[in-house]
Structure formats: C-alpha cells, structure tokens
C-alpha atoms as a PDB file:
ATOM      1  CA  MET A   1    -106.250 192.653-215.424  1.00  0.00           C
ATOM      2  CA  LEU A   2    -108.592 191.128-218.000  1.00  0.00           C
ATOM      3  CA  ARG A   3    -110.971 194.075-217.632  1.00  0.00           C
ATOM      4  CA  ILE A   4    -108.118 196.552-218.108  1.00  0.00           C
ATOM      5  CA  CYS A   5    -107.034 194.785-221.299  1.00  0.00           C
ATOM      6  CA  THR A   6    -110.617 194.711-222.574  1.00  0.00           C
ATOM      7  CA  ASP A   7    -111.129 198.403-221.849  1.00  0.00           C
ATOM      8  CA  GLY A   8    -107.850 199.238-223.580  1.00  0.00           C
ATOM      9  CA  TRP A   9    -108.869 197.314-226.703  1.00  0.00           C
ATOM     10  CA  LYS A  10    -112.282 199.011-226.749  1.00  0.00           C
ATOM     11  CA  SER A  11    -110.605 202.400-226.485  1.00  0.00           C
ATOM     12  CA  TYR A  12    -108.276 201.425-229.333  1.00  0.00           C
ATOM     13  CA  TYR A  13    -111.158 200.222-231.494  1.00  0.00           C
ATOM     14  CA  ARG A  14    -113.147 203.450-230.981  1.00  0.00           C
ATOM     15  CA  GLN A  15    -110.400 205.648-232.421  1.00  0.00           C
ATOM     16  CA  SER A  16    -110.845 207.106-235.883  1.00  0.00           C
ATOM     17  CA  VAL A  17    -107.338 205.918-236.800  1.00  0.00           C
ATOM     18  CA  PHE A  18    -108.026 202.321-235.767  1.00  0.00           C
ATOM     19  CA  LEU A  19    -107.647 200.920-239.291  1.00  0.00           C
ATOM     20  CA  ALA A  20    -104.410 202.816-239.872  1.00  0.00           C
ATOM     21  CA  GLY A  21    -102.913 201.469-236.642  1.00  0.00           C
ATOM     22  CA  LEU A  22    -104.050 197.917-237.351  1.00  0.00           C
ATOM     23  CA  GLY A  23    -102.598 198.192-240.850  1.00  0.00           C
ATOM     24  CA  LEU A  24     -99.243 199.157-239.356  1.00  0.00           C
ATOM     25  CA  ALA A  25     -99.380 196.108-237.076  1.00  0.00           C
ATOM     26  CA  PHE A  26     -99.929 193.814-240.080  1.00  0.00           C
ATOM     27  CA  LEU A  27     -96.629 195.035-241.528  1.00  0.00           C
ATOM     28  CA  TYR A  28     -94.823 193.268-238.678  1.00  0.00           C
ATOM     29  CA  THR A  29     -95.865 189.847-240.011  1.00  0.00           C
ATOM     30  CA  THR A  30     -93.062 189.556-242.520  1.00  0.00           C
ATOM     31  CA  VAL A  31     -89.799 187.706-243.051  1.00  0.00           C
ATOM     32  CA  LEU A  32     -88.637 190.450-245.418  1.00  0.00           C
ATOM     33  CA  GLY A  33     -86.291 192.223-243.055  1.00  0.00           C
ATOM     34  CA  PHE A  34     -82.761 191.941-241.730  1.00  0.00           C
ATOM     35  CA  ASP A  35     -83.534 189.671-238.809  1.00  0.00           C
ATOM     36  CA  CYS A  36     -82.209 186.232-237.864  1.00  0.00           C
ATOM     37  CA  ILE A  37     -84.589 184.500-240.297  1.00  0.00           C
ATOM     38  CA  THR A  38     -83.455 186.318-243.425  1.00  0.00           C
ATOM     39  CA  THR A  39     -79.846 186.078-242.237  1.00  0.00           C
ATOM     40  CA  GLY A  40     -80.141 182.315-241.889  1.00  0.00           C
ATOM     41  CA  TYR A  41     -81.614 182.019-245.374  1.00  0.00           C
ATOM     42  CA  ALA A  42     -78.814 184.166-246.792  1.00  0.00           C
ATOM     43  CA  TYR A  43     -76.206 181.827-245.297  1.00  0.00           C
ATOM     44  CA  THR A  44     -77.806 178.839-247.017  1.00  0.00           C
ATOM     45  CA  GLN A  45     -77.573 180.698-250.334  1.00  0.00           C
ATOM     46  CA  GLY A  46     -73.829 181.220-250.068  1.00  0.00           C
ATOM     47  CA  ILE A  47     -73.837 184.823-248.807  1.00  0.00           C
ATOM     48  CA  SER A  48     -70.833 185.560-246.591  1.00  0.00           C
ATOM     49  CA  GLY A  49     -71.069 187.300-243.242  1.00  0.00           C
ATOM     50  CA  SER A  50     -69.052 190.297-244.431  1.00  0.00           C
ATOM     51  CA  LEU A  51     -71.318 190.871-247.418  1.00  0.00           C
ATOM     52  CA  LEU A  52     -74.371 190.492-245.207  1.00  0.00           C
ATOM     53  CA  SER A  53     -73.015 193.135-242.834  1.00  0.00           C
ATOM     54  CA  LEU A  54     -72.515 195.483-245.763  1.00  0.00           C
ATOM     55  CA  LEU A  55     -76.086 194.908-246.906  1.00  0.00           C
ATOM     56  CA  MET A  56     -77.339 195.712-243.400  1.00  0.00           C
ATOM     57  CA  ALA A  57     -75.466 199.022-243.506  1.00  0.00           C
ATOM     58  CA  VAL A  58     -76.998 199.863-246.879  1.00  0.00           C
ATOM     59  CA  SER A  59     -80.401 198.933-245.480  1.00  0.00           C
ATOM     60  CA  ALA A  60     -79.924 201.342-242.567  1.00  0.00           C
ATOM     61  CA  ILE A  61     -79.076 204.131-244.996  1.00  0.00           C
ATOM     62  CA  SER A  62     -82.178 203.230-246.990  1.00  0.00           C
ATOM     63  CA  GLY A  63     -84.276 203.600-243.851  1.00  0.00           C
ATOM     64  CA  LEU A  64     -82.818 207.050-243.195  1.00  0.00           C
ATOM     65  CA  MET A  65     -83.777 208.035-246.735  1.00  0.00           C
ATOM     66  CA  GLY A  66     -87.339 207.088-245.780  1.00  0.00           C
ATOM     67  CA  THR A  67     -87.319 209.637-242.956  1.00  0.00           C
ATOM     68  CA  PHE A  68     -86.188 212.396-245.310  1.00  0.00           C
ATOM     69  CA  LEU A  69     -88.816 211.310-247.841  1.00  0.00           C
ATOM     70  CA  PHE A  70     -91.492 211.553-245.144  1.00  0.00           C
ATOM     71  CA  THR A  71     -90.657 215.148-244.261  1.00  0.00           C
ATOM     72  CA  ARG A  72     -90.613 216.263-247.892  1.00  0.00           C
ATOM     73  CA  LEU A  73     -93.819 214.491-248.863  1.00  0.00           C
ATOM     74  CA  ARG A  74     -95.667 215.774-245.824  1.00  0.00           C
ATOM     75  CA  ARG A  75     -94.570 219.322-246.512  1.00  0.00           C
ATOM     76  CA  HIS A  76     -95.826 219.204-250.107  1.00  0.00           C
ATOM     77  CA  TYR A  77     -98.803 216.818-250.044  1.00  0.00           C
ATOM     78  CA  GLY A  78     -99.955 216.446-246.455  1.00  0.00           C
ATOM     79  CA  LEU A  79    -100.001 213.515-244.072  1.00  0.00           C
ATOM     80  CA  MET A  80    -102.713 211.420-245.749  1.00  0.00           C
ATOM     81  CA  VAL A  81    -101.173 211.491-249.208  1.00  0.00           C
ATOM     82  CA  THR A  82     -97.749 210.794-247.724  1.00  0.00           C
ATOM     83  CA  GLY A  83     -99.072 207.516-246.340  1.00  0.00           C
ATOM     84  CA  ILE A  84    -100.573 206.567-249.695  1.00  0.00           C
ATOM     85  CA  ILE A  85     -97.348 207.271-251.590  1.00  0.00           C
ATOM     86  CA  SER A  86     -95.299 205.411-248.981  1.00  0.00           C
ATOM     87  CA  SER A  87     -97.655 202.425-249.187  1.00  0.00           C
ATOM     88  CA  CYS A  88     -97.386 202.201-252.963  1.00  0.00           C
ATOM     89  CA  LEU A  89     -93.607 202.513-252.826  1.00  0.00           C
ATOM     90  CA  HIS A  90     -93.373 199.814-250.167  1.00  0.00           C
ATOM     91  CA  VAL A  91     -95.532 197.312-252.048  1.00  0.00           C
ATOM     92  CA  CYS A  92     -93.837 197.950-255.403  1.00  0.00           C
ATOM     93  CA  CYS A  93     -90.399 197.276-253.930  1.00  0.00           C
ATOM     94  CA  LEU A  94     -91.602 194.098-252.236  1.00  0.00           C
ATOM     95  CA  MET A  95     -92.678 192.797-255.643  1.00  0.00           C
ATOM     96  CA  LEU A  96     -88.973 192.291-256.333  1.00  0.00           C
ATOM     97  CA  CYS A  97     -88.925 189.841-253.420  1.00  0.00           C
ATOM     98  CA  VAL A  98     -91.882 187.968-254.906  1.00  0.00           C
ATOM     99  CA  PHE A  99     -90.130 187.793-258.269  1.00  0.00           C
ATOM    100  CA  SER A 100     -87.052 186.396-256.526  1.00  0.00           C
ATOM    101  CA  VAL A 101     -89.063 183.343-255.447  1.00  0.00           C
ATOM    102  CA  PHE A 102     -89.404 182.253-259.092  1.00  0.00           C
ATOM    103  CA  ALA A 103     -86.084 183.644-260.372  1.00  0.00           C
ATOM    104  CA  PRO A 104     -83.103 181.452-261.324  1.00  0.00           C
ATOM    105  CA  GLY A 105     -81.199 180.225-258.287  1.00  0.00           C
ATOM    106  CA  SER A 106     -84.229 180.115-256.003  1.00  0.00           C
ATOM    107  CA  PRO A 107     -84.497 176.899-253.929  1.00  0.00           C
ATOM    108  CA  PHE A 108     -88.292 177.288-253.771  1.00  0.00           C
ATOM    109  CA  ASP A 109     -89.887 173.833-253.818  1.00  0.00           C
ATOM    110  CA  LEU A 110     -93.244 173.092-252.205  1.00  0.00           C
ATOM    111  CA  GLY A 111     -92.631 169.376-252.724  1.00  0.00           C
ATOM    112  CA  ILE A 112     -90.656 169.447-249.487  1.00  0.00           C
ATOM    113  CA  PHE A 113     -93.985 169.583-247.599  1.00  0.00           C
ATOM    114  CA  SER A 114     -95.066 166.167-248.872  1.00  0.00           C
ATOM    115  CA  VAL A 115     -91.642 164.749-248.059  1.00  0.00           C
ATOM    116  CA  LEU A 116     -91.692 165.998-244.471  1.00  0.00           C
ATOM    117  CA  MET A 117     -95.280 164.857-243.846  1.00  0.00           C
ATOM    118  CA  GLY A 118     -94.698 161.431-245.379  1.00  0.00           C
ATOM    119  CA  VAL A 119     -97.545 161.874-247.876  1.00  0.00           C
ATOM    120  CA  ASN A 120     -95.619 160.892-250.965  1.00  0.00           C
ATOM    121  CA  SER A 121     -93.969 157.555-250.136  1.00  0.00           C
ATOM    122  CA  SER A 122     -92.592 157.129-253.665  1.00  0.00           C
ATOM    123  CA  ILE A 123     -90.028 159.887-253.271  1.00  0.00           C
ATOM    124  CA  ASN A 124     -86.487 158.583-253.261  1.00  0.00           C
ATOM    125  CA  MET A 125     -84.743 159.257-249.949  1.00  0.00           C
ATOM    126  CA  GLY A 126     -81.543 159.931-251.828  1.00  0.00           C
ATOM    127  CA  GLU A 127     -83.226 162.901-253.520  1.00  0.00           C
ATOM    128  CA  LEU A 128     -84.324 164.179-250.120  1.00  0.00           C
ATOM    129  CA  GLU A 129     -80.783 164.024-248.768  1.00  0.00           C
ATOM    130  CA  GLN A 130     -79.522 165.793-251.884  1.00  0.00           C
ATOM    131  CA  SER A 131     -82.113 168.565-251.457  1.00  0.00           C
ATOM    132  CA  GLN A 132     -81.029 169.045-247.838  1.00  0.00           C
ATOM    133  CA  VAL A 133     -77.273 169.046-248.439  1.00  0.00           C
ATOM    134  CA  HIS A 134     -77.115 172.498-246.803  1.00  0.00           C
ATOM    135  CA  LEU A 135     -78.002 170.914-243.448  1.00  0.00           C
ATOM    136  CA  TYR A 136     -75.828 167.815-243.089  1.00  0.00           C
ATOM    137  CA  PRO A 137     -72.395 166.782-244.354  1.00  0.00           C
ATOM    138  CA  PRO A 138     -72.595 164.134-247.094  1.00  0.00           C
ATOM    139  CA  HIS A 139     -70.184 161.714-245.351  1.00  0.00           C
ATOM    140  CA  ARG A 140     -70.857 160.551-241.804  1.00  0.00           C
ATOM    141  CA  ASN A 141     -70.940 157.366-239.755  1.00  0.00           C
ATOM    142  CA  MET A 142     -74.461 155.942-239.674  1.00  0.00           C
ATOM    143  CA  ASN A 143     -73.997 155.097-235.999  1.00  0.00           C
ATOM    144  CA  GLN A 144     -73.364 158.747-235.114  1.00  0.00           C
ATOM    145  CA  PRO A 145     -76.239 161.144-234.336  1.00  0.00           C
ATOM    146  CA  ILE A 146     -77.228 163.621-237.051  1.00  0.00           C
ATOM    147  CA  LEU A 147     -75.713 166.762-235.573  1.00  0.00           C
ATOM    148  CA  PRO A 148     -73.747 169.566-237.255  1.00  0.00           C
ATOM    149  CA  ASP A 149     -70.183 170.035-236.074  1.00  0.00           C
ATOM    150  CA  ARG A 150     -69.068 173.269-234.415  1.00  0.00           C
ATOM    151  CA  SER A 151     -67.585 174.698-237.613  1.00  0.00           C
ATOM    152  CA  SER A 152     -71.018 174.713-239.264  1.00  0.00           C
ATOM    153  CA  ILE A 153     -72.766 176.721-236.571  1.00  0.00           C
ATOM    154  CA  HIS A 154     -73.251 180.498-236.560  1.00  0.00           C
ATOM    155  CA  TRP A 155     -74.879 182.306-233.677  1.00  0.00           C
ATOM    156  CA  THR A 156     -77.012 185.260-234.760  1.00  0.00           C
ATOM    157  CA  ASN A 157     -79.630 186.852-232.499  1.00  0.00           C
ATOM    158  CA  ASN A 158     -79.611 183.755-230.248  1.00  0.00           C
ATOM    159  CA  THR A 159     -80.489 181.539-233.238  1.00  0.00           C
ATOM    160  CA  VAL A 160     -78.335 178.678-234.539  1.00  0.00           C
ATOM    161  CA  LEU A 161     -77.837 179.006-238.280  1.00  0.00           C
ATOM    162  CA  LEU A 162     -76.459 176.118-240.301  1.00  0.00           C
ATOM    163  CA  GLU A 163     -74.035 177.124-243.019  1.00  0.00           C
ATOM    164  CA  ASN A 164     -73.048 175.195-246.097  1.00  0.00           C
ATOM    165  CA  ILE A 165     -70.198 172.888-245.151  1.00  0.00           C
ATOM    166  CA  HIS A 166     -68.520 172.820-248.528  1.00  0.00           C
ATOM    167  CA  THR A 167     -67.353 175.978-250.222  1.00  0.00           C
ATOM    168  CA  GLY A 168     -68.473 174.650-253.590  1.00  0.00           C
ATOM    169  CA  ASP A 169     -72.079 174.282-252.443  1.00  0.00           C
ATOM    170  CA  HIS A 170     -73.518 177.464-253.962  1.00  0.00           C
ATOM    171  CA  PRO A 171     -76.711 178.119-255.945  1.00  0.00           C
ATOM    172  CA  ASP A 172     -76.528 177.905-259.727  1.00  0.00           C
ATOM    173  CA  SER A 173     -77.477 181.578-260.014  1.00  0.00           C
ATOM    174  CA  TYR A 174     -77.454 184.552-257.644  1.00  0.00           C
ATOM    175  CA  ILE A 175     -80.278 186.345-259.442  1.00  0.00           C
ATOM    176  CA  SER A 176     -82.837 185.215-256.871  1.00  0.00           C
ATOM    177  CA  ILE A 177     -80.895 186.338-253.792  1.00  0.00           C
ATOM    178  CA  ILE A 178     -79.975 189.643-255.488  1.00  0.00           C
ATOM    179  CA  LEU A 179     -83.629 190.407-256.223  1.00  0.00           C
ATOM    180  CA  LEU A 180     -84.590 189.438-252.670  1.00  0.00           C
ATOM    181  CA  PHE A 181     -82.156 191.771-250.927  1.00  0.00           C
ATOM    182  CA  LEU A 182     -82.677 194.533-253.477  1.00  0.00           C
ATOM    183  CA  GLY A 183     -86.392 194.446-252.711  1.00  0.00           C
ATOM    184  CA  VAL A 184     -85.838 194.318-248.937  1.00  0.00           C
ATOM    185  CA  ILE A 185     -83.412 197.263-248.991  1.00  0.00           C
ATOM    186  CA  LEU A 186     -85.493 199.496-251.279  1.00  0.00           C
ATOM    187  CA  ALA A 187     -88.724 198.642-249.457  1.00  0.00           C
ATOM    188  CA  ARG A 188     -87.359 200.143-246.243  1.00  0.00           C
ATOM    189  CA  ILE A 189     -87.694 203.611-247.758  1.00  0.00           C
ATOM    190  CA  GLY A 190     -91.457 203.274-248.074  1.00  0.00           C
ATOM    191  CA  LEU A 191     -91.697 201.257-244.848  1.00  0.00           C
ATOM    192  CA  TRP A 192     -90.059 203.872-242.642  1.00  0.00           C
ATOM    193  CA  SER A 193     -92.009 206.682-244.279  1.00  0.00           C
ATOM    194  CA  PHE A 194     -95.282 204.804-243.749  1.00  0.00           C
ATOM    195  CA  ASP A 195     -94.370 203.994-240.150  1.00  0.00           C
ATOM    196  CA  LEU A 196     -93.763 207.673-239.408  1.00  0.00           C
ATOM    197  CA  THR A 197     -97.036 208.592-241.120  1.00  0.00           C
ATOM    198  CA  VAL A 198     -99.164 206.250-239.017  1.00  0.00           C
ATOM    199  CA  THR A 199     -97.299 207.175-235.833  1.00  0.00           C
ATOM    200  CA  GLN A 200     -97.970 210.847-236.522  1.00  0.00           C
ATOM    201  CA  LEU A 201    -101.640 210.123-237.199  1.00  0.00           C
ATOM    202  CA  LEU A 202    -101.923 208.327-233.865  1.00  0.00           C
ATOM    203  CA  GLN A 203    -100.361 211.266-232.058  1.00  0.00           C
ATOM    204  CA  GLU A 204    -102.539 213.886-233.740  1.00  0.00           C
ATOM    205  CA  ASN A 205    -105.930 212.157-233.679  1.00  0.00           C
ATOM    206  CA  ILE A 206    -106.012 210.449-230.276  1.00  0.00           C
ATOM    207  CA  PRO A 207    -107.173 212.460-227.241  1.00  0.00           C
ATOM    208  CA  GLU A 208    -104.415 213.087-224.743  1.00  0.00           C
ATOM    209  CA  SER A 209    -106.306 211.270-221.987  1.00  0.00           C
ATOM    210  CA  GLU A 210    -106.374 208.031-224.037  1.00  0.00           C
ATOM    211  CA  ARG A 211    -103.066 208.379-225.844  1.00  0.00           C
ATOM    212  CA  GLY A 212    -101.062 206.184-223.467  1.00  0.00           C
ATOM    213  CA  VAL A 213    -103.650 203.383-223.484  1.00  0.00           C
ATOM    214  CA  VAL A 214    -104.009 203.380-227.265  1.00  0.00           C
ATOM    215  CA  ASN A 215    -100.263 203.456-227.863  1.00  0.00           C
ATOM    216  CA  GLY A 216     -99.879 200.551-225.436  1.00  0.00           C
ATOM    217  CA  VAL A 217    -102.447 198.481-227.335  1.00  0.00           C
ATOM    218  CA  GLN A 218    -100.773 199.446-230.611  1.00  0.00           C
ATOM    219  CA  SER A 219     -97.415 198.188-229.348  1.00  0.00           C
ATOM    220  CA  SER A 220     -99.060 194.963-228.196  1.00  0.00           C
ATOM    221  CA  MET A 221    -100.601 194.447-231.622  1.00  0.00           C
ATOM    222  CA  ASN A 222     -97.226 195.048-233.272  1.00  0.00           C
ATOM    223  CA  TYR A 223     -95.540 192.423-231.087  1.00  0.00           C
ATOM    224  CA  LEU A 224     -98.408 189.979-231.589  1.00  0.00           C
ATOM    225  CA  MET A 225     -98.160 190.181-235.371  1.00  0.00           C
ATOM    226  CA  ASP A 226     -94.388 189.895-235.077  1.00  0.00           C
ATOM    227  CA  LEU A 227     -94.930 186.647-233.148  1.00  0.00           C
ATOM    228  CA  VAL A 228     -97.101 185.339-235.992  1.00  0.00           C
ATOM    229  CA  HIS A 229     -94.215 185.529-238.456  1.00  0.00           C
ATOM    230  CA  PHE A 230     -92.021 183.452-236.139  1.00  0.00           C
ATOM    231  CA  ILE A 231     -94.784 180.849-235.951  1.00  0.00           C
ATOM    232  CA  MET A 232     -94.823 180.747-239.757  1.00  0.00           C
ATOM    233  CA  VAL A 233     -91.107 179.993-239.771  1.00  0.00           C
ATOM    234  CA  ILE A 234     -91.621 177.170-237.261  1.00  0.00           C
ATOM    235  CA  LEU A 235     -94.207 175.636-239.605  1.00  0.00           C
ATOM    236  CA  ALA A 236     -91.991 176.092-242.687  1.00  0.00           C
ATOM    237  CA  PRO A 237     -88.342 176.006-241.543  1.00  0.00           C
ATOM    238  CA  GLN A 238     -86.635 174.708-244.702  1.00  0.00           C
ATOM    239  CA  PRO A 239     -84.908 177.039-247.222  1.00  0.00           C
ATOM    240  CA  GLN A 240     -87.022 175.415-249.946  1.00  0.00           C
ATOM    241  CA  GLN A 241     -90.098 176.791-248.137  1.00  0.00           C
ATOM    242  CA  PHE A 242     -88.771 180.319-247.685  1.00  0.00           C
ATOM    243  CA  GLY A 243     -90.387 181.432-250.940  1.00  0.00           C
ATOM    244  CA  LEU A 244     -93.798 180.568-249.509  1.00  0.00           C
ATOM    245  CA  LEU A 245     -93.037 182.715-246.460  1.00  0.00           C
ATOM    246  CA  VAL A 246     -92.087 185.582-248.787  1.00  0.00           C
ATOM    247  CA  ILE A 247     -95.421 185.354-250.586  1.00  0.00           C
ATOM    248  CA  ILE A 248     -97.409 185.153-247.318  1.00  0.00           C
ATOM    249  CA  SER A 249     -95.466 188.104-245.910  1.00  0.00           C
ATOM    250  CA  THR A 250     -96.243 190.173-248.986  1.00  0.00           C
ATOM    251  CA  LEU A 251     -99.932 189.351-248.642  1.00  0.00           C
ATOM    252  CA  PHE A 252     -99.881 190.510-245.010  1.00  0.00           C
ATOM    253  CA  VAL A 253     -98.194 193.758-246.057  1.00  0.00           C
ATOM    254  CA  ILE A 254    -100.743 194.340-248.809  1.00  0.00           C
ATOM    255  CA  ALA A 255    -103.559 193.670-246.318  1.00  0.00           C
ATOM    256  CA  GLY A 256    -102.056 196.229-243.942  1.00  0.00           C
ATOM    257  CA  HIS A 257    -101.823 198.904-246.604  1.00  0.00           C
ATOM    258  CA  THR A 258    -105.359 198.092-247.748  1.00  0.00           C
ATOM    259  CA  MET A 259    -106.542 198.891-244.215  1.00  0.00           C
ATOM    260  CA  TYR A 260    -104.785 202.241-244.448  1.00  0.00           C
ATOM    261  CA  PHE A 261    -106.459 202.952-247.795  1.00  0.00           C
ATOM    262  CA  SER A 262    -109.819 202.137-246.195  1.00  0.00           C
ATOM    263  CA  TYR A 263    -109.020 204.594-243.412  1.00  0.00           C
ATOM    264  CA  THR A 264    -108.167 207.388-245.866  1.00  0.00           C
ATOM    265  CA  ARG A 265    -111.347 206.722-247.843  1.00  0.00           C
ATOM    266  CA  LYS A 266    -113.411 206.865-244.666  1.00  0.00           C
ATOM    267  CA  TYR A 267    -111.650 210.054-243.575  1.00  0.00           C
ATOM    268  CA  LYS A 268    -112.327 211.780-246.902  1.00  0.00           C
ATOM    269  CA  ALA A 269    -115.987 210.737-246.728  1.00  0.00           C
ATOM    270  CA  MET A 270    -116.254 212.286-243.275  1.00  0.00           C
ATOM    271  CA  GLU A 271    -114.640 215.479-244.543  1.00  0.00           C
ATOM    272  CA  LYS A 272    -117.223 215.806-247.340  1.00  0.00           C
ATOM    273  CA  GLU A 273    -120.037 215.469-244.838  1.00  0.00           C
END
C-alpha cells in the first residue's frame, strides 16, 4: 500500500499541471466559506439562523454565476487566461474579509492568546469573563459545572455552536460581519471559475492511463489541506481569534494562486521554446 501511494504521488508530481493542481488544493485551507466554522462565528456576532440561511442561498447563486463566467471567459480568452482572471477576482474579493478583521464591530483580539496560555498573569480575570460573555451566562452557581444549558446549543454539521444567551448581547457595529460575508459571497464567483479551470486543465493535460491515479492524489491533497484548516480552528477556537484565521486563510489562498501563476509562466516559456 505504501508503494502504491508513493507511485501515485510520483505520477502526480511528474505532470505538467502539478503546480496548478497543488494550488487548487491550497484553496481548501480556508475558513472563508459557509461551513460549520463560519456559521458558528456568525452566531456569536448576533446573526440569526434565518438570515444565515438566506446568505447561504445567495452564496449558491454566486457560485452558479462563477460557472457562467468560466464558460464566457474561456470562449473569449482561453483556459489559461480564464484561470488568471478568476484568481485575481478571487483574491480581490477576499480582501474584503481581511478588511473586516480590522473594521468596527470585529472582536479580533490577539491578547486572548496570552490569557489562555497564562503568560500574562496581570490580566484581570473579570476582563476575561467579560470578553467571553458569548460562551457562558453571567449568573451561575459557583458549585455548578461550567456547561451551557440546552437553549444555548445549536447543532450544525455535527458541531455544537454556542449562541449568545442574551438578546442584547450584540456587537457595537455590524460593519465587520457585513464585510466578511460580502467578501465570502463575492469570492465564490472567482473560486468556482478557478476550480473549473484547474479541473479542465487536469482532464486535458493528463494521459488517460494516469488520469485516475492523478485525480485520486488530487482529491487526497484537497482533503488533506481541508484537514489543516480544522486543525487551525482547534488551535484558535475563540471568536476573538477568528480574525487571525481569516488572515492565514487568505495567505493560503494567495499561495495557491501564486502556484497557478508559476504554472502559467512555465507553460508560456515552454510554448516559446
């Protein structure tokens, strides 16, 4: 089994579209999508379930627009240029998510790391409890275990999400969460178009005898990079740390598109020769 996996990776690495496929895999390391992680963060920012469902529907429509954009761009500019345009569109839209980290209403606070690790012993524990009011009710018996009651639990994609207990516990401004979801929704246009571009490149440039092996390795890489983003959330689970995850996710996306740009540059150099 180990030899089969090794041979499959070697076959994947030998392909001319290796960098394009690896770049697509890097796009899976992101929290900027409508999964359980982003949903949980939205709940902590006062977003209702009905509004979140509406945003998911708009996001699906945005993805469909990406498929139509792909067909039009490919017809007029070709497959390579389509990937470049899709990459630029994807990254530009994700910049809105980065801006949301520093916008009014954002709970972004890296000081939570020092609190959790016990580095800064001078921090008042009352301030810590105030900063984590979204997790625990303010009034409880000290002899009782720190557990949320049933009314504060939402089940989404097999993940327990803790909602604000009090209806008045909302962020001072919704500018941050608006920019975040606006960037996520618009970015899906470029994301879907880029995904179709790389998938088409894999189908057109891989020999038929190796196509199944290479596509299998590609799927494995996608799932592996998807696992990485869940590990990031385990290391930074607090809403105050979500902004850091947004920045790291954007860097992974930029790295993935940079790999695609390297592939196109290498392809053009081979064409000139």
